[in-house]
């Protein structure tokens, strides 16, 4: 009798979405440190772990037009780079979303991507069509210059809404305030170590 688990060696895809306009900002440093932890886990894991990082500023993603085509057909009428992002979001087993805080929410780059996920909202709530069937988890990573911890309340709600339509369990977040100048997060050695350890030990 073969008692092997068919899922034991299956591909496990970690998709990381980086939403900052800066290539190497504080949020990028955190996200990359998380992915370094994932890469370290890959060496000893029995799973075939794949990593896909999406830098939103490098993509051509138009804002949602509110044309309601997704309400009618379940598809987005805009044919730009978001079509490939849809594929990555569907395939992800673990989703990490990272953005600094801009005017108490996520960056404009990331918000455009999230608004285009109205397609998933329509599929879930209007068409009652579940195109994502596997269980998956996700985290939110963010930094803000503000000294107020409440600064993350709004972006957390936005990410929770995104995860809801994607059938992603909001596992936790890594958010740090009083982080303003480029590279400031590196002074917080505990933050960098915690997110690395999470990527290595908790993402699977």
C-alpha atoms as a PDB file:
ATOM      1  CA  UNK A   1       0.000   0.000   0.000  1.00  0.00           C
ATOM      2  CA  UNK A   2       1.278   3.442  -0.878  1.00  0.00           C
ATOM      3  CA  UNK A   3       0.787   5.763   2.087  1.00  0.00           C
ATOM      4  CA  UNK A   4       2.566   8.692   0.501  1.00  0.00           C
ATOM      5  CA  UNK A   5       0.854  12.071   0.613  1.00  0.00           C
ATOM      6  CA  UNK A   6       0.176  13.302  -2.946  1.00  0.00           C
ATOM      7  CA  UNK A   7       0.482  16.918  -1.758  1.00  0.00           C
ATOM      8  CA  UNK A   8       3.815  16.319  -0.065  1.00  0.00           C
ATOM      9  CA  UNK A   9       5.931  17.264  -3.058  1.00  0.00           C
ATOM     10  CA  UNK A  10       3.522  19.533  -4.853  1.00  0.00           C
ATOM     11  CA  UNK A  11       4.456  23.040  -5.869  1.00  0.00           C
ATOM     12  CA  UNK A  12       3.880  25.683  -3.214  1.00  0.00           C
ATOM     13  CA  UNK A  13       3.822  29.195  -4.657  1.00  0.00           C
ATOM     14  CA  UNK A  14       4.625  32.289  -2.620  1.00  0.00           C
ATOM     15  CA  UNK A  15       3.509  35.465  -4.390  1.00  0.00           C
ATOM     16  CA  UNK A  16       4.837  38.777  -3.073  1.00  0.00           C
ATOM     17  CA  UNK A  17       3.292  42.043  -4.243  1.00  0.00           C
ATOM     18  CA  UNK A  18       5.422  45.138  -3.713  1.00  0.00           C
ATOM     19  CA  UNK A  19       3.395  48.332  -3.993  1.00  0.00           C
ATOM     20  CA  UNK A  20       5.807  51.156  -3.255  1.00  0.00           C
ATOM     21  CA  UNK A  21       6.968  53.658  -5.892  1.00  0.00           C
ATOM     22  CA  UNK A  22      10.487  53.235  -4.453  1.00  0.00           C
ATOM     23  CA  UNK A  23      12.611  50.351  -5.631  1.00  0.00           C
ATOM     24  CA  UNK A  24      14.529  49.995  -2.376  1.00  0.00           C
ATOM     25  CA  UNK A  25      12.417  51.611   0.355  1.00  0.00           C
ATOM     26  CA  UNK A  26      11.888  50.383   3.903  1.00  0.00           C
ATOM     27  CA  UNK A  27       8.938  48.226   2.906  1.00  0.00           C
ATOM     28  CA  UNK A  28      11.041  46.622   0.191  1.00  0.00           C
ATOM     29  CA  UNK A  29      13.736  45.765   2.729  1.00  0.00           C
ATOM     30  CA  UNK A  30      11.148  44.032   4.907  1.00  0.00           C
ATOM     31  CA  UNK A  31       9.565  42.159   2.014  1.00  0.00           C
ATOM     32  CA  UNK A  32      12.927  41.011   0.675  1.00  0.00           C
ATOM     33  CA  UNK A  33      13.945  39.851   4.150  1.00  0.00           C
ATOM     34  CA  UNK A  34      10.741  37.809   4.337  1.00  0.00           C
ATOM     35  CA  UNK A  35      11.528  36.272   0.942  1.00  0.00           C
ATOM     36  CA  UNK A  36      15.066  35.473   2.094  1.00  0.00           C
ATOM     37  CA  UNK A  37      13.486  33.442   4.887  1.00  0.00           C
ATOM     38  CA  UNK A  38      11.261  31.651   2.375  1.00  0.00           C
ATOM     39  CA  UNK A  39      14.293  30.911   0.195  1.00  0.00           C
ATOM     40  CA  UNK A  40      16.140  29.488   3.214  1.00  0.00           C
ATOM     41  CA  UNK A  41      13.183  27.209   3.967  1.00  0.00           C
ATOM     42  CA  UNK A  42      13.138  26.039   0.361  1.00  0.00           C
ATOM     43  CA  UNK A  43      16.511  24.344   0.785  1.00  0.00           C
ATOM     44  CA  UNK A  44      15.210  21.887   3.375  1.00  0.00           C
ATOM     45  CA  UNK A  45      11.505  21.701   2.509  1.00  0.00           C
ATOM     46  CA  UNK A  46       9.921  18.681   0.866  1.00  0.00           C
ATOM     47  CA  UNK A  47       7.646  21.074  -1.018  1.00  0.00           C
ATOM     48  CA  UNK A  48       8.643  22.515  -4.369  1.00  0.00           C
ATOM     49  CA  UNK A  49       8.588  26.146  -3.237  1.00  0.00           C
ATOM     50  CA  UNK A  50       8.333  28.806  -5.941  1.00  0.00           C
ATOM     51  CA  UNK A  51       8.720  32.539  -5.310  1.00  0.00           C
ATOM     52  CA  UNK A  52       7.166  35.216  -7.505  1.00  0.00           C
ATOM     53  CA  UNK A  53       7.749  38.890  -6.680  1.00  0.00           C
ATOM     54  CA  UNK A  54       5.542  41.430  -8.425  1.00  0.00           C
ATOM     55  CA  UNK A  55       6.744  45.047  -8.394  1.00  0.00           C
ATOM     56  CA  UNK A  56       3.624  47.013  -9.227  1.00  0.00           C
ATOM     57  CA  UNK A  57       5.403  50.196 -10.339  1.00  0.00           C
ATOM     58  CA  UNK A  58       6.975  48.231 -13.199  1.00  0.00           C
ATOM     59  CA  UNK A  59       3.602  47.137 -14.571  1.00  0.00           C
ATOM     60  CA  UNK A  60       1.043  48.801 -16.773  1.00  0.00           C
ATOM     61  CA  UNK A  61      -2.117  48.631 -14.639  1.00  0.00           C
ATOM     62  CA  UNK A  62      -4.963  51.013 -15.399  1.00  0.00           C
ATOM     63  CA  UNK A  63      -7.440  52.066 -12.712  1.00  0.00           C
ATOM     64  CA  UNK A  64     -10.816  50.345 -12.575  1.00  0.00           C
ATOM     65  CA  UNK A  65     -13.243  52.028 -15.008  1.00  0.00           C
ATOM     66  CA  UNK A  66     -16.350  50.920 -13.115  1.00  0.00           C
ATOM     67  CA  UNK A  67     -17.748  49.687 -16.415  1.00  0.00           C
ATOM     68  CA  UNK A  68     -19.367  46.704 -14.638  1.00  0.00           C
ATOM     69  CA  UNK A  69     -18.227  44.237 -17.287  1.00  0.00           C
ATOM     70  CA  UNK A  70     -17.050  41.913 -14.516  1.00  0.00           C
ATOM     71  CA  UNK A  71     -20.554  42.021 -13.041  1.00  0.00           C
ATOM     72  CA  UNK A  72     -21.930  40.845 -16.373  1.00  0.00           C
ATOM     73  CA  UNK A  73     -19.268  38.354 -17.460  1.00  0.00           C
ATOM     74  CA  UNK A  74     -16.891  37.761 -14.555  1.00  0.00           C
ATOM     75  CA  UNK A  75     -14.011  39.125 -16.631  1.00  0.00           C
ATOM     76  CA  UNK A  76     -12.181  42.452 -16.677  1.00  0.00           C
ATOM     77  CA  UNK A  77     -12.484  44.248 -19.988  1.00  0.00           C
ATOM     78  CA  UNK A  78      -9.118  46.041 -19.635  1.00  0.00           C
ATOM     79  CA  UNK A  79      -6.338  44.076 -21.313  1.00  0.00           C
ATOM     80  CA  UNK A  80      -3.178  45.207 -19.587  1.00  0.00           C
ATOM     81  CA  UNK A  81      -0.619  43.661 -17.202  1.00  0.00           C
ATOM     82  CA  UNK A  82      -3.342  42.975 -14.641  1.00  0.00           C
ATOM     83  CA  UNK A  83      -4.357  39.950 -16.703  1.00  0.00           C
ATOM     84  CA  UNK A  84      -1.073  38.255 -15.728  1.00  0.00           C
ATOM     85  CA  UNK A  85      -1.452  39.395 -12.128  1.00  0.00           C
ATOM     86  CA  UNK A  86      -4.869  37.695 -12.001  1.00  0.00           C
ATOM     87  CA  UNK A  87      -3.148  34.431 -12.919  1.00  0.00           C
ATOM     88  CA  UNK A  88      -0.540  34.841 -10.178  1.00  0.00           C
ATOM     89  CA  UNK A  89      -3.190  35.674  -7.572  1.00  0.00           C
ATOM     90  CA  UNK A  90      -5.163  32.567  -8.468  1.00  0.00           C
ATOM     91  CA  UNK A  91      -2.100  30.305  -8.342  1.00  0.00           C
ATOM     92  CA  UNK A  92      -0.700  31.661  -5.045  1.00  0.00           C
ATOM     93  CA  UNK A  93      -0.570  29.431  -1.990  1.00  0.00           C
ATOM     94  CA  UNK A  94       0.768  32.243   0.169  1.00  0.00           C
ATOM     95  CA  UNK A  95       0.326  35.954  -0.535  1.00  0.00           C
ATOM     96  CA  UNK A  96       2.496  38.730   0.908  1.00  0.00           C
ATOM     97  CA  UNK A  97       1.399  42.292   0.162  1.00  0.00           C
ATOM     98  CA  UNK A  98       3.699  45.199   0.991  1.00  0.00           C
ATOM     99  CA  UNK A  99       3.161  48.946   0.796  1.00  0.00           C
ATOM    100  CA  UNK A 100       4.183  52.044   2.727  1.00  0.00           C
ATOM    101  CA  UNK A 101       1.370  54.236   4.039  1.00  0.00           C
ATOM    102  CA  UNK A 102       0.308  57.093   1.756  1.00  0.00           C
ATOM    103  CA  UNK A 103      -2.351  59.437   3.185  1.00  0.00           C
ATOM    104  CA  UNK A 104      -3.426  56.733   5.677  1.00  0.00           C
ATOM    105  CA  UNK A 105      -3.817  53.981   3.070  1.00  0.00           C
ATOM    106  CA  UNK A 106      -1.765  51.928   0.608  1.00  0.00           C
ATOM    107  CA  UNK A 107       0.109  53.491  -2.305  1.00  0.00           C
ATOM    108  CA  UNK A 108      -1.697  54.555  -5.466  1.00  0.00           C
ATOM    109  CA  UNK A 109       0.120  51.842  -7.427  1.00  0.00           C
ATOM    110  CA  UNK A 110      -1.163  49.127  -5.136  1.00  0.00           C
ATOM    111  CA  UNK A 111      -4.638  50.632  -4.811  1.00  0.00           C
ATOM    112  CA  UNK A 112      -5.069  50.497  -8.605  1.00  0.00           C
ATOM    113  CA  UNK A 113      -4.195  46.793  -8.532  1.00  0.00           C
ATOM    114  CA  UNK A 114      -6.584  46.158  -5.642  1.00  0.00           C
ATOM    115  CA  UNK A 115      -9.434  48.055  -7.333  1.00  0.00           C
ATOM    116  CA  UNK A 116      -8.999  45.847 -10.386  1.00  0.00           C
ATOM    117  CA  UNK A 117      -9.693  42.868  -8.120  1.00  0.00           C
ATOM    118  CA  UNK A 118     -13.328  43.929  -8.341  1.00  0.00           C
ATOM    119  CA  UNK A 119     -13.406  41.082 -10.836  1.00  0.00           C
ATOM    120  CA  UNK A 120     -12.843  38.616  -7.979  1.00  0.00           C
ATOM    121  CA  UNK A 121     -15.519  40.352  -5.893  1.00  0.00           C
ATOM    122  CA  UNK A 122     -18.005  39.956  -8.740  1.00  0.00           C
ATOM    123  CA  UNK A 123     -17.109  36.303  -9.222  1.00  0.00           C
ATOM    124  CA  UNK A 124     -17.520  35.574  -5.513  1.00  0.00           C
ATOM    125  CA  UNK A 125     -20.589  37.610  -4.610  1.00  0.00           C
ATOM    126  CA  UNK A 126     -22.503  38.184  -7.851  1.00  0.00           C
ATOM    127  CA  UNK A 127     -21.734  35.107  -9.934  1.00  0.00           C
ATOM    128  CA  UNK A 128     -21.372  32.788  -6.897  1.00  0.00           C
ATOM    129  CA  UNK A 129     -18.443  31.222  -8.719  1.00  0.00           C
ATOM    130  CA  UNK A 130     -15.538  29.976  -6.639  1.00  0.00           C
ATOM    131  CA  UNK A 131     -12.567  29.866  -8.988  1.00  0.00           C
ATOM    132  CA  UNK A 132     -10.140  29.530  -6.047  1.00  0.00           C
ATOM    133  CA  UNK A 133     -10.666  26.333  -4.071  1.00  0.00           C
ATOM    134  CA  UNK A 134      -7.455  25.795  -2.098  1.00  0.00           C
ATOM    135  CA  UNK A 135      -6.855  27.180   1.358  1.00  0.00           C
ATOM    136  CA  UNK A 136      -4.176  29.846   1.507  1.00  0.00           C
ATOM    137  CA  UNK A 137      -2.784  32.462   3.851  1.00  0.00           C
ATOM    138  CA  UNK A 138      -1.406  35.962   3.574  1.00  0.00           C
ATOM    139  CA  UNK A 139       0.387  38.761   5.385  1.00  0.00           C
ATOM    140  CA  UNK A 140       0.561  42.525   5.106  1.00  0.00           C
ATOM    141  CA  UNK A 141       3.853  44.420   5.403  1.00  0.00           C
ATOM    142  CA  UNK A 142       3.943  48.178   5.866  1.00  0.00           C
ATOM    143  CA  UNK A 143       5.890  51.129   7.220  1.00  0.00           C
ATOM    144  CA  UNK A 144       4.870  54.678   8.035  1.00  0.00           C
ATOM    145  CA  UNK A 145       6.609  57.844   9.101  1.00  0.00           C
ATOM    146  CA  UNK A 146       3.822  58.732  11.522  1.00  0.00           C
ATOM    147  CA  UNK A 147       4.261  58.131  15.225  1.00  0.00           C
ATOM    148  CA  UNK A 148       0.671  56.951  15.590  1.00  0.00           C
ATOM    149  CA  UNK A 149       0.001  53.213  15.583  1.00  0.00           C
ATOM    150  CA  UNK A 150      -3.521  53.994  14.344  1.00  0.00           C
ATOM    151  CA  UNK A 151      -1.976  55.013  11.018  1.00  0.00           C
ATOM    152  CA  UNK A 152      -2.269  51.368   9.893  1.00  0.00           C
ATOM    153  CA  UNK A 153      -5.998  50.990  10.615  1.00  0.00           C
ATOM    154  CA  UNK A 154      -7.134  52.000   7.132  1.00  0.00           C
ATOM    155  CA  UNK A 155      -4.559  50.072   5.065  1.00  0.00           C
ATOM    156  CA  UNK A 156      -5.238  46.959   7.141  1.00  0.00           C
ATOM    157  CA  UNK A 157      -8.933  47.211   6.237  1.00  0.00           C
ATOM    158  CA  UNK A 158      -8.053  47.543   2.551  1.00  0.00           C
ATOM    159  CA  UNK A 159      -5.844  44.440   2.677  1.00  0.00           C
ATOM    160  CA  UNK A 160      -8.469  42.480   4.614  1.00  0.00           C
ATOM    161  CA  UNK A 161     -10.987  43.302   1.884  1.00  0.00           C
ATOM    162  CA  UNK A 162      -8.536  42.169  -0.781  1.00  0.00           C
ATOM    163  CA  UNK A 163      -7.807  38.916   1.058  1.00  0.00           C
ATOM    164  CA  UNK A 164     -11.522  38.293   1.535  1.00  0.00           C
ATOM    165  CA  UNK A 165     -12.298  38.228  -2.183  1.00  0.00           C
ATOM    166  CA  UNK A 166      -9.204  36.110  -2.837  1.00  0.00           C
ATOM    167  CA  UNK A 167     -10.099  33.493  -0.194  1.00  0.00           C
ATOM    168  CA  UNK A 168      -6.886  34.316   1.678  1.00  0.00           C
ATOM    169  CA  UNK A 169      -6.723  33.988   5.459  1.00  0.00           C
ATOM    170  CA  UNK A 170      -5.226  37.198   6.917  1.00  0.00           C
ATOM    171  CA  UNK A 171      -2.611  35.484   9.043  1.00  0.00           C
ATOM    172  CA  UNK A 172      -0.885  38.539  10.529  1.00  0.00           C
ATOM    173  CA  UNK A 173       0.860  41.762   9.617  1.00  0.00           C
ATOM    174  CA  UNK A 174       4.263  43.332  10.063  1.00  0.00           C
ATOM    175  CA  UNK A 175       3.713  47.083  10.396  1.00  0.00           C
ATOM    176  CA  UNK A 176       6.173  49.611  11.788  1.00  0.00           C
ATOM    177  CA  UNK A 177       5.656  53.304  12.426  1.00  0.00           C
ATOM    178  CA  UNK A 178       8.257  56.020  13.018  1.00  0.00           C
ATOM    179  CA  UNK A 179      10.020  54.712   9.896  1.00  0.00           C
ATOM    180  CA  UNK A 180      10.489  57.629   7.520  1.00  0.00           C
ATOM    181  CA  UNK A 181      13.934  57.967   5.952  1.00  0.00           C
ATOM    182  CA  UNK A 182      15.191  55.347   3.525  1.00  0.00           C
ATOM    183  CA  UNK A 183      16.890  52.508   5.381  1.00  0.00           C
ATOM    184  CA  UNK A 184      15.446  53.390   8.789  1.00  0.00           C
ATOM    185  CA  UNK A 185      13.935  49.926   9.187  1.00  0.00           C
ATOM    186  CA  UNK A 186      17.433  48.424   9.248  1.00  0.00           C
ATOM    187  CA  UNK A 187      17.889  50.025  12.665  1.00  0.00           C
ATOM    188  CA  UNK A 188      15.137  47.750  13.948  1.00  0.00           C
ATOM    189  CA  UNK A 189      17.107  44.527  14.032  1.00  0.00           C
ATOM    190  CA  UNK A 190      14.292  42.660  15.788  1.00  0.00           C
ATOM    191  CA  UNK A 191      11.851  43.516  12.985  1.00  0.00           C
ATOM    192  CA  UNK A 192      14.257  42.281  10.335  1.00  0.00           C
ATOM    193  CA  UNK A 193      14.956  39.074  12.241  1.00  0.00           C
ATOM    194  CA  UNK A 194      11.287  38.409  13.057  1.00  0.00           C
ATOM    195  CA  UNK A 195      10.137  38.710   9.460  1.00  0.00           C
ATOM    196  CA  UNK A 196      13.007  36.524   8.242  1.00  0.00           C
ATOM    197  CA  UNK A 197      12.130  33.841  10.785  1.00  0.00           C
ATOM    198  CA  UNK A 198       8.476  34.052   9.808  1.00  0.00           C
ATOM    199  CA  UNK A 199       9.334  33.485   6.162  1.00  0.00           C
ATOM    200  CA  UNK A 200      11.515  30.535   7.074  1.00  0.00           C
ATOM    201  CA  UNK A 201       9.256  28.844   9.632  1.00  0.00           C
ATOM    202  CA  UNK A 202       5.643  30.035   9.366  1.00  0.00           C
ATOM    203  CA  UNK A 203       4.753  30.646   5.725  1.00  0.00           C
ATOM    204  CA  UNK A 204       4.002  27.008   4.860  1.00  0.00           C
END
